[in-house]
Amino acid sequence: APFGIISAFLFIIGLFSAKRAKENF
């Protein structure tokens, strides 16, 4: 869960692509 939440946040602020955030989640 923490890994997924952090990835979603980094996607929202533009540091992660949607692809990377989804793979992490």
PDBML (XML) file of the C-alpha atoms, coordinates in Angstrom:
<?xml version="1.0" encoding="UTF-8" ?>
<PDBx:datablock datablockName="MODEL"
   xmlns:PDBx="http://pdbml.pdb.org/schema/pdbx-v50.xsd"
   xmlns:xsi="http://www.w3.org/2001/XMLSchema-instance"
   xsi:schemaLocation="http://pdbml.pdb.org/schema/pdbx-v50.xsd pdbx-v50.xsd">
   <PDBx:atom_siteCategory>
      <PDBx:atom_site id="1">
         <PDBx:B_iso_or_equiv>0.00</PDBx:B_iso_or_equiv>
         <PDBx:Cartn_x>0.000</PDBx:Cartn_x>
         <PDBx:Cartn_y>0.000</PDBx:Cartn_y>
         <PDBx:Cartn_z>0.000</PDBx:Cartn_z>
         <PDBx:auth_asym_id>A</PDBx:auth_asym_id>
         <PDBx:auth_atom_id>CA</PDBx:auth_atom_id>
         <PDBx:auth_comp_id>ALA</PDBx:auth_comp_id>
         <PDBx:auth_seq_id>1</PDBx:auth_seq_id>
         <PDBx:group_PDB>ATOM</PDBx:group_PDB>
         <PDBx:label_alt_id xsi:nil="true" />
         <PDBx:label_asym_id>A</PDBx:label_asym_id>
         <PDBx:label_atom_id>CA</PDBx:label_atom_id>
         <PDBx:label_comp_id>ALA</PDBx:label_comp_id>
         <PDBx:label_entity_id>1</PDBx:label_entity_id>
         <PDBx:label_seq_id>1</PDBx:label_seq_id>
         <PDBx:occupancy>1.00</PDBx:occupancy>
         <PDBx:pdbx_PDB_model_num>1</PDBx:pdbx_PDB_model_num>
         <PDBx:type_symbol>C</PDBx:type_symbol>
      </PDBx:atom_site>
      <PDBx:atom_site id="2">
         <PDBx:B_iso_or_equiv>0.00</PDBx:B_iso_or_equiv>
         <PDBx:Cartn_x>2.634</PDBx:Cartn_x>
         <PDBx:Cartn_y>2.665</PDBx:Cartn_y>
         <PDBx:Cartn_z>0.877</PDBx:Cartn_z>
         <PDBx:auth_asym_id>A</PDBx:auth_asym_id>
         <PDBx:auth_atom_id>CA</PDBx:auth_atom_id>
         <PDBx:auth_comp_id>PRO</PDBx:auth_comp_id>
         <PDBx:auth_seq_id>2</PDBx:auth_seq_id>
         <PDBx:group_PDB>ATOM</PDBx:group_PDB>
         <PDBx:label_alt_id xsi:nil="true" />
         <PDBx:label_asym_id>A</PDBx:label_asym_id>
         <PDBx:label_atom_id>CA</PDBx:label_atom_id>
         <PDBx:label_comp_id>PRO</PDBx:label_comp_id>
         <PDBx:label_entity_id>1</PDBx:label_entity_id>
         <PDBx:label_seq_id>2</PDBx:label_seq_id>
         <PDBx:occupancy>1.00</PDBx:occupancy>
         <PDBx:pdbx_PDB_model_num>1</PDBx:pdbx_PDB_model_num>
         <PDBx:type_symbol>C</PDBx:type_symbol>
      </PDBx:atom_site>
      <PDBx:atom_site id="3">
         <PDBx:B_iso_or_equiv>0.00</PDBx:B_iso_or_equiv>
         <PDBx:Cartn_x>4.512</PDBx:Cartn_x>
         <PDBx:Cartn_y>1.909</PDBx:Cartn_y>
         <PDBx:Cartn_z>-2.345</PDBx:Cartn_z>
         <PDBx:auth_asym_id>A</PDBx:auth_asym_id>
         <PDBx:auth_atom_id>CA</PDBx:auth_atom_id>
         <PDBx:auth_comp_id>PHE</PDBx:auth_comp_id>
         <PDBx:auth_seq_id>3</PDBx:auth_seq_id>
         <PDBx:group_PDB>ATOM</PDBx:group_PDB>
         <PDBx:label_alt_id xsi:nil="true" />
         <PDBx:label_asym_id>A</PDBx:label_asym_id>
         <PDBx:label_atom_id>CA</PDBx:label_atom_id>
         <PDBx:label_comp_id>PHE</PDBx:label_comp_id>
         <PDBx:label_entity_id>1</PDBx:label_entity_id>
         <PDBx:label_seq_id>3</PDBx:label_seq_id>
         <PDBx:occupancy>1.00</PDBx:occupancy>
         <PDBx:pdbx_PDB_model_num>1</PDBx:pdbx_PDB_model_num>
         <PDBx:type_symbol>C</PDBx:type_symbol>
      </PDBx:atom_site>
      <PDBx:atom_site id="4">
         <PDBx:B_iso_or_equiv>0.00</PDBx:B_iso_or_equiv>
         <PDBx:Cartn_x>1.308</PDBx:Cartn_x>
         <PDBx:Cartn_y>2.322</PDBx:Cartn_y>
         <PDBx:Cartn_z>-4.358</PDBx:Cartn_z>
         <PDBx:auth_asym_id>A</PDBx:auth_asym_id>
         <PDBx:auth_atom_id>CA</PDBx:auth_atom_id>
         <PDBx:auth_comp_id>GLY</PDBx:auth_comp_id>
         <PDBx:auth_seq_id>4</PDBx:auth_seq_id>
         <PDBx:group_PDB>ATOM</PDBx:group_PDB>
         <PDBx:label_alt_id xsi:nil="true" />
         <PDBx:label_asym_id>A</PDBx:label_asym_id>
         <PDBx:label_atom_id>CA</PDBx:label_atom_id>
         <PDBx:label_comp_id>GLY</PDBx:label_comp_id>
         <PDBx:label_entity_id>1</PDBx:label_entity_id>
         <PDBx:label_seq_id>4</PDBx:label_seq_id>
         <PDBx:occupancy>1.00</PDBx:occupancy>
         <PDBx:pdbx_PDB_model_num>1</PDBx:pdbx_PDB_model_num>
         <PDBx:type_symbol>C</PDBx:type_symbol>
      </PDBx:atom_site>
      <PDBx:atom_site id="5">
         <PDBx:B_iso_or_equiv>0.00</PDBx:B_iso_or_equiv>
         <PDBx:Cartn_x>0.324</PDBx:Cartn_x>
         <PDBx:Cartn_y>5.551</PDBx:Cartn_y>
         <PDBx:Cartn_z>-2.612</PDBx:Cartn_z>
         <PDBx:auth_asym_id>A</PDBx:auth_asym_id>
         <PDBx:auth_atom_id>CA</PDBx:auth_atom_id>
         <PDBx:auth_comp_id>ILE</PDBx:auth_comp_id>
         <PDBx:auth_seq_id>5</PDBx:auth_seq_id>
         <PDBx:group_PDB>ATOM</PDBx:group_PDB>
         <PDBx:label_alt_id xsi:nil="true" />
         <PDBx:label_asym_id>A</PDBx:label_asym_id>
         <PDBx:label_atom_id>CA</PDBx:label_atom_id>
         <PDBx:label_comp_id>ILE</PDBx:label_comp_id>
         <PDBx:label_entity_id>1</PDBx:label_entity_id>
         <PDBx:label_seq_id>5</PDBx:label_seq_id>
         <PDBx:occupancy>1.00</PDBx:occupancy>
         <PDBx:pdbx_PDB_model_num>1</PDBx:pdbx_PDB_model_num>
         <PDBx:type_symbol>C</PDBx:type_symbol>
      </PDBx:atom_site>
      <PDBx:atom_site id="6">
         <PDBx:B_iso_or_equiv>0.00</PDBx:B_iso_or_equiv>
         <PDBx:Cartn_x>3.769</PDBx:Cartn_x>
         <PDBx:Cartn_y>7.083</PDBx:Cartn_y>
         <PDBx:Cartn_z>-3.135</PDBx:Cartn_z>
         <PDBx:auth_asym_id>A</PDBx:auth_asym_id>
         <PDBx:auth_atom_id>CA</PDBx:auth_atom_id>
         <PDBx:auth_comp_id>ILE</PDBx:auth_comp_id>
         <PDBx:auth_seq_id>6</PDBx:auth_seq_id>
         <PDBx:group_PDB>ATOM</PDBx:group_PDB>
         <PDBx:label_alt_id xsi:nil="true" />
         <PDBx:label_asym_id>A</PDBx:label_asym_id>
         <PDBx:label_atom_id>CA</PDBx:label_atom_id>
         <PDBx:label_comp_id>ILE</PDBx:label_comp_id>
         <PDBx:label_entity_id>1</PDBx:label_entity_id>
         <PDBx:label_seq_id>6</PDBx:label_seq_id>
         <PDBx:occupancy>1.00</PDBx:occupancy>
         <PDBx:pdbx_PDB_model_num>1</PDBx:pdbx_PDB_model_num>
         <PDBx:type_symbol>C</PDBx:type_symbol>
      </PDBx:atom_site>
      <PDBx:atom_site id="7">
         <PDBx:B_iso_or_equiv>0.00</PDBx:B_iso_or_equiv>
         <PDBx:Cartn_x>3.734</PDBx:Cartn_x>
         <PDBx:Cartn_y>6.061</PDBx:Cartn_y>
         <PDBx:Cartn_z>-6.812</PDBx:Cartn_z>
         <PDBx:auth_asym_id>A</PDBx:auth_asym_id>
         <PDBx:auth_atom_id>CA</PDBx:auth_atom_id>
         <PDBx:auth_comp_id>SER</PDBx:auth_comp_id>
         <PDBx:auth_seq_id>7</PDBx:auth_seq_id>
         <PDBx:group_PDB>ATOM</PDBx:group_PDB>
         <PDBx:label_alt_id xsi:nil="true" />
         <PDBx:label_asym_id>A</PDBx:label_asym_id>
         <PDBx:label_atom_id>CA</PDBx:label_atom_id>
         <PDBx:label_comp_id>SER</PDBx:label_comp_id>
         <PDBx:label_entity_id>1</PDBx:label_entity_id>
         <PDBx:label_seq_id>7</PDBx:label_seq_id>
         <PDBx:occupancy>1.00</PDBx:occupancy>
         <PDBx:pdbx_PDB_model_num>1</PDBx:pdbx_PDB_model_num>
         <PDBx:type_symbol>C</PDBx:type_symbol>
      </PDBx:atom_site>
      <PDBx:atom_site id="8">
         <PDBx:B_iso_or_equiv>0.00</PDBx:B_iso_or_equiv>
         <PDBx:Cartn_x>0.295</PDBx:Cartn_x>
         <PDBx:Cartn_y>7.631</PDBx:Cartn_y>
         <PDBx:Cartn_z>-7.288</PDBx:Cartn_z>
         <PDBx:auth_asym_id>A</PDBx:auth_asym_id>
         <PDBx:auth_atom_id>CA</PDBx:auth_atom_id>
         <PDBx:auth_comp_id>ALA</PDBx:auth_comp_id>
         <PDBx:auth_seq_id>8</PDBx:auth_seq_id>
         <PDBx:group_PDB>ATOM</PDBx:group_PDB>
         <PDBx:label_alt_id xsi:nil="true" />
         <PDBx:label_asym_id>A</PDBx:label_asym_id>
         <PDBx:label_atom_id>CA</PDBx:label_atom_id>
         <PDBx:label_comp_id>ALA</PDBx:label_comp_id>
         <PDBx:label_entity_id>1</PDBx:label_entity_id>
         <PDBx:label_seq_id>8</PDBx:label_seq_id>
         <PDBx:occupancy>1.00</PDBx:occupancy>
         <PDBx:pdbx_PDB_model_num>1</PDBx:pdbx_PDB_model_num>
         <PDBx:type_symbol>C</PDBx:type_symbol>
      </PDBx:atom_site>
      <PDBx:atom_site id="9">
         <PDBx:B_iso_or_equiv>0.00</PDBx:B_iso_or_equiv>
         <PDBx:Cartn_x>1.501</PDBx:Cartn_x>
         <PDBx:Cartn_y>10.867</PDBx:Cartn_y>
         <PDBx:Cartn_z>-5.670</PDBx:Cartn_z>
         <PDBx:auth_asym_id>A</PDBx:auth_asym_id>
         <PDBx:auth_atom_id>CA</PDBx:auth_atom_id>
         <PDBx:auth_comp_id>PHE</PDBx:auth_comp_id>
         <PDBx:auth_seq_id>9</PDBx:auth_seq_id>
         <PDBx:group_PDB>ATOM</PDBx:group_PDB>
         <PDBx:label_alt_id xsi:nil="true" />
         <PDBx:label_asym_id>A</PDBx:label_asym_id>
         <PDBx:label_atom_id>CA</PDBx:label_atom_id>
         <PDBx:label_comp_id>PHE</PDBx:label_comp_id>
         <PDBx:label_entity_id>1</PDBx:label_entity_id>
         <PDBx:label_seq_id>9</PDBx:label_seq_id>
         <PDBx:occupancy>1.00</PDBx:occupancy>
         <PDBx:pdbx_PDB_model_num>1</PDBx:pdbx_PDB_model_num>
         <PDBx:type_symbol>C</PDBx:type_symbol>
      </PDBx:atom_site>
      <PDBx:atom_site id="10">
         <PDBx:B_iso_or_equiv>0.00</PDBx:B_iso_or_equiv>
         <PDBx:Cartn_x>4.614</PDBx:Cartn_x>
         <PDBx:Cartn_y>10.985</PDBx:Cartn_y>
         <PDBx:Cartn_z>-7.869</PDBx:Cartn_z>
         <PDBx:auth_asym_id>A</PDBx:auth_asym_id>
         <PDBx:auth_atom_id>CA</PDBx:auth_atom_id>
         <PDBx:auth_comp_id>LEU</PDBx:auth_comp_id>
         <PDBx:auth_seq_id>10</PDBx:auth_seq_id>
         <PDBx:group_PDB>ATOM</PDBx:group_PDB>
         <PDBx:label_alt_id xsi:nil="true" />
         <PDBx:label_asym_id>A</PDBx:label_asym_id>
         <PDBx:label_atom_id>CA</PDBx:label_atom_id>
         <PDBx:label_comp_id>LEU</PDBx:label_comp_id>
         <PDBx:label_entity_id>1</PDBx:label_entity_id>
         <PDBx:label_seq_id>10</PDBx:label_seq_id>
         <PDBx:occupancy>1.00</PDBx:occupancy>
         <PDBx:pdbx_PDB_model_num>1</PDBx:pdbx_PDB_model_num>
         <PDBx:type_symbol>C</PDBx:type_symbol>
      </PDBx:atom_site>
      <PDBx:atom_site id="11">
         <PDBx:B_iso_or_equiv>0.00</PDBx:B_iso_or_equiv>
         <PDBx:Cartn_x>2.381</PDBx:Cartn_x>
         <PDBx:Cartn_y>10.483</PDBx:Cartn_y>
         <PDBx:Cartn_z>-10.912</PDBx:Cartn_z>
         <PDBx:auth_asym_id>A</PDBx:auth_asym_id>
         <PDBx:auth_atom_id>CA</PDBx:auth_atom_id>
         <PDBx:auth_comp_id>PHE</PDBx:auth_comp_id>
         <PDBx:auth_seq_id>11</PDBx:auth_seq_id>
         <PDBx:group_PDB>ATOM</PDBx:group_PDB>
         <PDBx:label_alt_id xsi:nil="true" />
         <PDBx:label_asym_id>A</PDBx:label_asym_id>
         <PDBx:label_atom_id>CA</PDBx:label_atom_id>
         <PDBx:label_comp_id>PHE</PDBx:label_comp_id>
         <PDBx:label_entity_id>1</PDBx:label_entity_id>
         <PDBx:label_seq_id>11</PDBx:label_seq_id>
         <PDBx:occupancy>1.00</PDBx:occupancy>
         <PDBx:pdbx_PDB_model_num>1</PDBx:pdbx_PDB_model_num>
         <PDBx:type_symbol>C</PDBx:type_symbol>
      </PDBx:atom_site>
      <PDBx:atom_site id="12">
         <PDBx:B_iso_or_equiv>0.00</PDBx:B_iso_or_equiv>
         <PDBx:Cartn_x>0.093</PDBx:Cartn_x>
         <PDBx:Cartn_y>13.341</PDBx:Cartn_y>
         <PDBx:Cartn_z>-9.846</PDBx:Cartn_z>
         <PDBx:auth_asym_id>A</PDBx:auth_asym_id>
         <PDBx:auth_atom_id>CA</PDBx:auth_atom_id>
         <PDBx:auth_comp_id>ILE</PDBx:auth_comp_id>
         <PDBx:auth_seq_id>12</PDBx:auth_seq_id>
         <PDBx:group_PDB>ATOM</PDBx:group_PDB>
         <PDBx:label_alt_id xsi:nil="true" />
         <PDBx:label_asym_id>A</PDBx:label_asym_id>
         <PDBx:label_atom_id>CA</PDBx:label_atom_id>
         <PDBx:label_comp_id>ILE</PDBx:label_comp_id>
         <PDBx:label_entity_id>1</PDBx:label_entity_id>
         <PDBx:label_seq_id>12</PDBx:label_seq_id>
         <PDBx:occupancy>1.00</PDBx:occupancy>
         <PDBx:pdbx_PDB_model_num>1</PDBx:pdbx_PDB_model_num>
         <PDBx:type_symbol>C</PDBx:type_symbol>
      </PDBx:atom_site>
      <PDBx:atom_site id="13">
         <PDBx:B_iso_or_equiv>0.00</PDBx:B_iso_or_equiv>
         <PDBx:Cartn_x>3.034</PDBx:Cartn_x>
         <PDBx:Cartn_y>15.754</PDBx:Cartn_y>
         <PDBx:Cartn_z>-9.485</PDBx:Cartn_z>
         <PDBx:auth_asym_id>A</PDBx:auth_asym_id>
         <PDBx:auth_atom_id>CA</PDBx:auth_atom_id>
         <PDBx:auth_comp_id>ILE</PDBx:auth_comp_id>
         <PDBx:auth_seq_id>13</PDBx:auth_seq_id>
         <PDBx:group_PDB>ATOM</PDBx:group_PDB>
         <PDBx:label_alt_id xsi:nil="true" />
         <PDBx:label_asym_id>A</PDBx:label_asym_id>
         <PDBx:label_atom_id>CA</PDBx:label_atom_id>
         <PDBx:label_comp_id>ILE</PDBx:label_comp_id>
         <PDBx:label_entity_id>1</PDBx:label_entity_id>
         <PDBx:label_seq_id>13</PDBx:label_seq_id>
         <PDBx:occupancy>1.00</PDBx:occupancy>
         <PDBx:pdbx_PDB_model_num>1</PDBx:pdbx_PDB_model_num>
         <PDBx:type_symbol>C</PDBx:type_symbol>
      </PDBx:atom_site>
      <PDBx:atom_site id="14">
         <PDBx:B_iso_or_equiv>0.00</PDBx:B_iso_or_equiv>
         <PDBx:Cartn_x>4.493</PDBx:Cartn_x>
         <PDBx:Cartn_y>14.617</PDBx:Cartn_y>
         <PDBx:Cartn_z>-12.788</PDBx:Cartn_z>
         <PDBx:auth_asym_id>A</PDBx:auth_asym_id>
         <PDBx:auth_atom_id>CA</PDBx:auth_atom_id>
         <PDBx:auth_comp_id>GLY</PDBx:auth_comp_id>
         <PDBx:auth_seq_id>14</PDBx:auth_seq_id>
         <PDBx:group_PDB>ATOM</PDBx:group_PDB>
         <PDBx:label_alt_id xsi:nil="true" />
         <PDBx:label_asym_id>A</PDBx:label_asym_id>
         <PDBx:label_atom_id>CA</PDBx:label_atom_id>
         <PDBx:label_comp_id>GLY</PDBx:label_comp_id>
         <PDBx:label_entity_id>1</PDBx:label_entity_id>
         <PDBx:label_seq_id>14</PDBx:label_seq_id>
         <PDBx:occupancy>1.00</PDBx:occupancy>
         <PDBx:pdbx_PDB_model_num>1</PDBx:pdbx_PDB_model_num>
         <PDBx:type_symbol>C</PDBx:type_symbol>
      </PDBx:atom_site>
      <PDBx:atom_site id="15">
         <PDBx:B_iso_or_equiv>0.00</PDBx:B_iso_or_equiv>
         <PDBx:Cartn_x>7.575</PDBx:Cartn_x>
         <PDBx:Cartn_y>12.687</PDBx:Cartn_y>
         <PDBx:Cartn_z>-11.613</PDBx:Cartn_z>
         <PDBx:auth_asym_id>A</PDBx:auth_asym_id>
         <PDBx:auth_atom_id>CA</PDBx:auth_atom_id>
         <PDBx:auth_comp_id>LEU</PDBx:auth_comp_id>
         <PDBx:auth_seq_id>15</PDBx:auth_seq_id>
         <PDBx:group_PDB>ATOM</PDBx:group_PDB>
         <PDBx:label_alt_id xsi:nil="true" />
         <PDBx:label_asym_id>A</PDBx:label_asym_id>
         <PDBx:label_atom_id>CA</PDBx:label_atom_id>
         <PDBx:label_comp_id>LEU</PDBx:label_comp_id>
         <PDBx:label_entity_id>1</PDBx:label_entity_id>
         <PDBx:label_seq_id>15</PDBx:label_seq_id>
         <PDBx:occupancy>1.00</PDBx:occupancy>
         <PDBx:pdbx_PDB_model_num>1</PDBx:pdbx_PDB_model_num>
         <PDBx:type_symbol>C</PDBx:type_symbol>
      </PDBx:atom_site>
      <PDBx:atom_site id="16">
         <PDBx:B_iso_or_equiv>0.00</PDBx:B_iso_or_equiv>
         <PDBx:Cartn_x>6.211</PDBx:Cartn_x>
         <PDBx:Cartn_y>9.273</PDBx:Cartn_y>
         <PDBx:Cartn_z>-12.655</PDBx:Cartn_z>
         <PDBx:auth_asym_id>A</PDBx:auth_asym_id>
         <PDBx:auth_atom_id>CA</PDBx:auth_atom_id>
         <PDBx:auth_comp_id>PHE</PDBx:auth_comp_id>
         <PDBx:auth_seq_id>16</PDBx:auth_seq_id>
         <PDBx:group_PDB>ATOM</PDBx:group_PDB>
         <PDBx:label_alt_id xsi:nil="true" />
         <PDBx:label_asym_id>A</PDBx:label_asym_id>
         <PDBx:label_atom_id>CA</PDBx:label_atom_id>
         <PDBx:label_comp_id>PHE</PDBx:label_comp_id>
         <PDBx:label_entity_id>1</PDBx:label_entity_id>
         <PDBx:label_seq_id>16</PDBx:label_seq_id>
         <PDBx:occupancy>1.00</PDBx:occupancy>
         <PDBx:pdbx_PDB_model_num>1</PDBx:pdbx_PDB_model_num>
         <PDBx:type_symbol>C</PDBx:type_symbol>
      </PDBx:atom_site>
      <PDBx:atom_site id="17">
         <PDBx:B_iso_or_equiv>0.00</PDBx:B_iso_or_equiv>
         <PDBx:Cartn_x>4.512</PDBx:Cartn_x>
         <PDBx:Cartn_y>8.333</PDBx:Cartn_y>
         <PDBx:Cartn_z>-15.921</PDBx:Cartn_z>
         <PDBx:auth_asym_id>A</PDBx:auth_asym_id>
         <PDBx:auth_atom_id>CA</PDBx:auth_atom_id>
         <PDBx:auth_comp_id>SER</PDBx:auth_comp_id>
         <PDBx:auth_seq_id>17</PDBx:auth_seq_id>
         <PDBx:group_PDB>ATOM</PDBx:group_PDB>
         <PDBx:label_alt_id xsi:nil="true" />
         <PDBx:label_asym_id>A</PDBx:label_asym_id>
         <PDBx:label_atom_id>CA</PDBx:label_atom_id>
         <PDBx:label_comp_id>SER</PDBx:label_comp_id>
         <PDBx:label_entity_id>1</PDBx:label_entity_id>
         <PDBx:label_seq_id>17</PDBx:label_seq_id>
         <PDBx:occupancy>1.00</PDBx:occupancy>
         <PDBx:pdbx_PDB_model_num>1</PDBx:pdbx_PDB_model_num>
         <PDBx:type_symbol>C</PDBx:type_symbol>
      </PDBx:atom_site>
      <PDBx:atom_site id="18">
         <PDBx:B_iso_or_equiv>0.00</PDBx:B_iso_or_equiv>
         <PDBx:Cartn_x>1.110</PDBx:Cartn_x>
         <PDBx:Cartn_y>6.655</PDBx:Cartn_y>
         <PDBx:Cartn_z>-15.709</PDBx:Cartn_z>
         <PDBx:auth_asym_id>A</PDBx:auth_asym_id>
         <PDBx:auth_atom_id>CA</PDBx:auth_atom_id>
         <PDBx:auth_comp_id>ALA</PDBx:auth_comp_id>
         <PDBx:auth_seq_id>18</PDBx:auth_seq_id>
         <PDBx:group_PDB>ATOM</PDBx:group_PDB>
         <PDBx:label_alt_id xsi:nil="true" />
         <PDBx:label_asym_id>A</PDBx:label_asym_id>
         <PDBx:label_atom_id>CA</PDBx:label_atom_id>
         <PDBx:label_comp_id>ALA</PDBx:label_comp_id>
         <PDBx:label_entity_id>1</PDBx:label_entity_id>
         <PDBx:label_seq_id>18</PDBx:label_seq_id>
         <PDBx:occupancy>1.00</PDBx:occupancy>
         <PDBx:pdbx_PDB_model_num>1</PDBx:pdbx_PDB_model_num>
         <PDBx:type_symbol>C</PDBx:type_symbol>
      </PDBx:atom_site>
      <PDBx:atom_site id="19">
         <PDBx:B_iso_or_equiv>0.00</PDBx:B_iso_or_equiv>
         <PDBx:Cartn_x>2.786</PDBx:Cartn_x>
         <PDBx:Cartn_y>3.466</PDBx:Cartn_y>
         <PDBx:Cartn_z>-16.935</PDBx:Cartn_z>
         <PDBx:auth_asym_id>A</PDBx:auth_asym_id>
         <PDBx:auth_atom_id>CA</PDBx:auth_atom_id>
         <PDBx:auth_comp_id>LYS</PDBx:auth_comp_id>
         <PDBx:auth_seq_id>19</PDBx:auth_seq_id>
         <PDBx:group_PDB>ATOM</PDBx:group_PDB>
         <PDBx:label_alt_id xsi:nil="true" />
         <PDBx:label_asym_id>A</PDBx:label_asym_id>
         <PDBx:label_atom_id>CA</PDBx:label_atom_id>
         <PDBx:label_comp_id>LYS</PDBx:label_comp_id>
         <PDBx:label_entity_id>1</PDBx:label_entity_id>
         <PDBx:label_seq_id>19</PDBx:label_seq_id>
         <PDBx:occupancy>1.00</PDBx:occupancy>
         <PDBx:pdbx_PDB_model_num>1</PDBx:pdbx_PDB_model_num>
         <PDBx:type_symbol>C</PDBx:type_symbol>
      </PDBx:atom_site>
      <PDBx:atom_site id="20">
         <PDBx:B_iso_or_equiv>0.00</PDBx:B_iso_or_equiv>
         <PDBx:Cartn_x>5.403</PDBx:Cartn_x>
         <PDBx:Cartn_y>3.447</PDBx:Cartn_y>
         <PDBx:Cartn_z>-14.178</PDBx:Cartn_z>
         <PDBx:auth_asym_id>A</PDBx:auth_asym_id>
         <PDBx:auth_atom_id>CA</PDBx:auth_atom_id>
         <PDBx:auth_comp_id>ARG</PDBx:auth_comp_id>
         <PDBx:auth_seq_id>20</PDBx:auth_seq_id>
         <PDBx:group_PDB>ATOM</PDBx:group_PDB>
         <PDBx:label_alt_id xsi:nil="true" />
         <PDBx:label_asym_id>A</PDBx:label_asym_id>
         <PDBx:label_atom_id>CA</PDBx:label_atom_id>
         <PDBx:label_comp_id>ARG</PDBx:label_comp_id>
         <PDBx:label_entity_id>1</PDBx:label_entity_id>
         <PDBx:label_seq_id>20</PDBx:label_seq_id>
         <PDBx:occupancy>1.00</PDBx:occupancy>
         <PDBx:pdbx_PDB_model_num>1</PDBx:pdbx_PDB_model_num>
         <PDBx:type_symbol>C</PDBx:type_symbol>
      </PDBx:atom_site>
      <PDBx:atom_site id="21">
         <PDBx:B_iso_or_equiv>0.00</PDBx:B_iso_or_equiv>
         <PDBx:Cartn_x>2.890</PDBx:Cartn_x>
         <PDBx:Cartn_y>4.335</PDBx:Cartn_y>
         <PDBx:Cartn_z>-11.470</PDBx:Cartn_z>
         <PDBx:auth_asym_id>A</PDBx:auth_asym_id>
         <PDBx:auth_atom_id>CA</PDBx:auth_atom_id>
         <PDBx:auth_comp_id>ALA</PDBx:auth_comp_id>
         <PDBx:auth_seq_id>21</PDBx:auth_seq_id>
         <PDBx:group_PDB>ATOM</PDBx:group_PDB>
         <PDBx:label_alt_id xsi:nil="true" />
         <PDBx:label_asym_id>A</PDBx:label_asym_id>
         <PDBx:label_atom_id>CA</PDBx:label_atom_id>
         <PDBx:label_comp_id>ALA</PDBx:label_comp_id>
         <PDBx:label_entity_id>1</PDBx:label_entity_id>
         <PDBx:label_seq_id>21</PDBx:label_seq_id>
         <PDBx:occupancy>1.00</PDBx:occupancy>
         <PDBx:pdbx_PDB_model_num>1</PDBx:pdbx_PDB_model_num>
         <PDBx:type_symbol>C</PDBx:type_symbol>
      </PDBx:atom_site>
      <PDBx:atom_site id="22">
         <PDBx:B_iso_or_equiv>0.00</PDBx:B_iso_or_equiv>
         <PDBx:Cartn_x>0.588</PDBx:Cartn_x>
         <PDBx:Cartn_y>1.536</PDBx:Cartn_y>
         <PDBx:Cartn_z>-12.588</PDBx:Cartn_z>
         <PDBx:auth_asym_id>A</PDBx:auth_asym_id>
         <PDBx:auth_atom_id>CA</PDBx:auth_atom_id>
         <PDBx:auth_comp_id>LYS</PDBx:auth_comp_id>
         <PDBx:auth_seq_id>22</PDBx:auth_seq_id>
         <PDBx:group_PDB>ATOM</PDBx:group_PDB>
         <PDBx:label_alt_id xsi:nil="true" />
         <PDBx:label_asym_id>A</PDBx:label_asym_id>
         <PDBx:label_atom_id>CA</PDBx:label_atom_id>
         <PDBx:label_comp_id>LYS</PDBx:label_comp_id>
         <PDBx:label_entity_id>1</PDBx:label_entity_id>
         <PDBx:label_seq_id>22</PDBx:label_seq_id>
         <PDBx:occupancy>1.00</PDBx:occupancy>
         <PDBx:pdbx_PDB_model_num>1</PDBx:pdbx_PDB_model_num>
         <PDBx:type_symbol>C</PDBx:type_symbol>
      </PDBx:atom_site>
      <PDBx:atom_site id="23">
         <PDBx:B_iso_or_equiv>0.00</PDBx:B_iso_or_equiv>
         <PDBx:Cartn_x>3.410</PDBx:Cartn_x>
         <PDBx:Cartn_y>-0.997</PDBx:Cartn_y>
         <PDBx:Cartn_z>-12.718</PDBx:Cartn_z>
         <PDBx:auth_asym_id>A</PDBx:auth_asym_id>
         <PDBx:auth_atom_id>CA</PDBx:auth_atom_id>
         <PDBx:auth_comp_id>GLU</PDBx:auth_comp_id>
         <PDBx:auth_seq_id>23</PDBx:auth_seq_id>
         <PDBx:group_PDB>ATOM</PDBx:group_PDB>
         <PDBx:label_alt_id xsi:nil="true" />
         <PDBx:label_asym_id>A</PDBx:label_asym_id>
         <PDBx:label_atom_id>CA</PDBx:label_atom_id>
         <PDBx:label_comp_id>GLU</PDBx:label_comp_id>
         <PDBx:label_entity_id>1</PDBx:label_entity_id>
         <PDBx:label_seq_id>23</PDBx:label_seq_id>
         <PDBx:occupancy>1.00</PDBx:occupancy>
         <PDBx:pdbx_PDB_model_num>1</PDBx:pdbx_PDB_model_num>
         <PDBx:type_symbol>C</PDBx:type_symbol>
      </PDBx:atom_site>
      <PDBx:atom_site id="24">
         <PDBx:B_iso_or_equiv>0.00</PDBx:B_iso_or_equiv>
         <PDBx:Cartn_x>4.410</PDBx:Cartn_x>
         <PDBx:Cartn_y>-0.045</PDBx:Cartn_y>
         <PDBx:Cartn_z>-9.180</PDBx:Cartn_z>
         <PDBx:auth_asym_id>A</PDBx:auth_asym_id>
         <PDBx:auth_atom_id>CA</PDBx:auth_atom_id>
         <PDBx:auth_comp_id>ASN</PDBx:auth_comp_id>
         <PDBx:auth_seq_id>24</PDBx:auth_seq_id>
         <PDBx:group_PDB>ATOM</PDBx:group_PDB>
         <PDBx:label_alt_id xsi:nil="true" />
         <PDBx:label_asym_id>A</PDBx:label_asym_id>
         <PDBx:label_atom_id>CA</PDBx:label_atom_id>
         <PDBx:label_comp_id>ASN</PDBx:label_comp_id>
         <PDBx:label_entity_id>1</PDBx:label_entity_id>
         <PDBx:label_seq_id>24</PDBx:label_seq_id>
         <PDBx:occupancy>1.00</PDBx:occupancy>
         <PDBx:pdbx_PDB_model_num>1</PDBx:pdbx_PDB_model_num>
         <PDBx:type_symbol>C</PDBx:type_symbol>
      </PDBx:atom_site>
      <PDBx:atom_site id="25">
         <PDBx:B_iso_or_equiv>0.00</PDBx:B_iso_or_equiv>
         <PDBx:Cartn_x>0.869</PDBx:Cartn_x>
         <PDBx:Cartn_y>-0.168</PDBx:Cartn_y>
         <PDBx:Cartn_z>-7.845</PDBx:Cartn_z>
         <PDBx:auth_asym_id>A</PDBx:auth_asym_id>
         <PDBx:auth_atom_id>CA</PDBx:auth_atom_id>
         <PDBx:auth_comp_id>PHE</PDBx:auth_comp_id>
         <PDBx:auth_seq_id>25</PDBx:auth_seq_id>
         <PDBx:group_PDB>ATOM</PDBx:group_PDB>
         <PDBx:label_alt_id xsi:nil="true" />
         <PDBx:label_asym_id>A</PDBx:label_asym_id>
         <PDBx:label_atom_id>CA</PDBx:label_atom_id>
         <PDBx:label_comp_id>PHE</PDBx:label_comp_id>
         <PDBx:label_entity_id>1</PDBx:label_entity_id>
         <PDBx:label_seq_id>25</PDBx:label_seq_id>
         <PDBx:occupancy>1.00</PDBx:occupancy>
         <PDBx:pdbx_PDB_model_num>1</PDBx:pdbx_PDB_model_num>
         <PDBx:type_symbol>C</PDBx:type_symbol>
      </PDBx:atom_site>
   </PDBx:atom_siteCategory>
</PDBx:datablock>
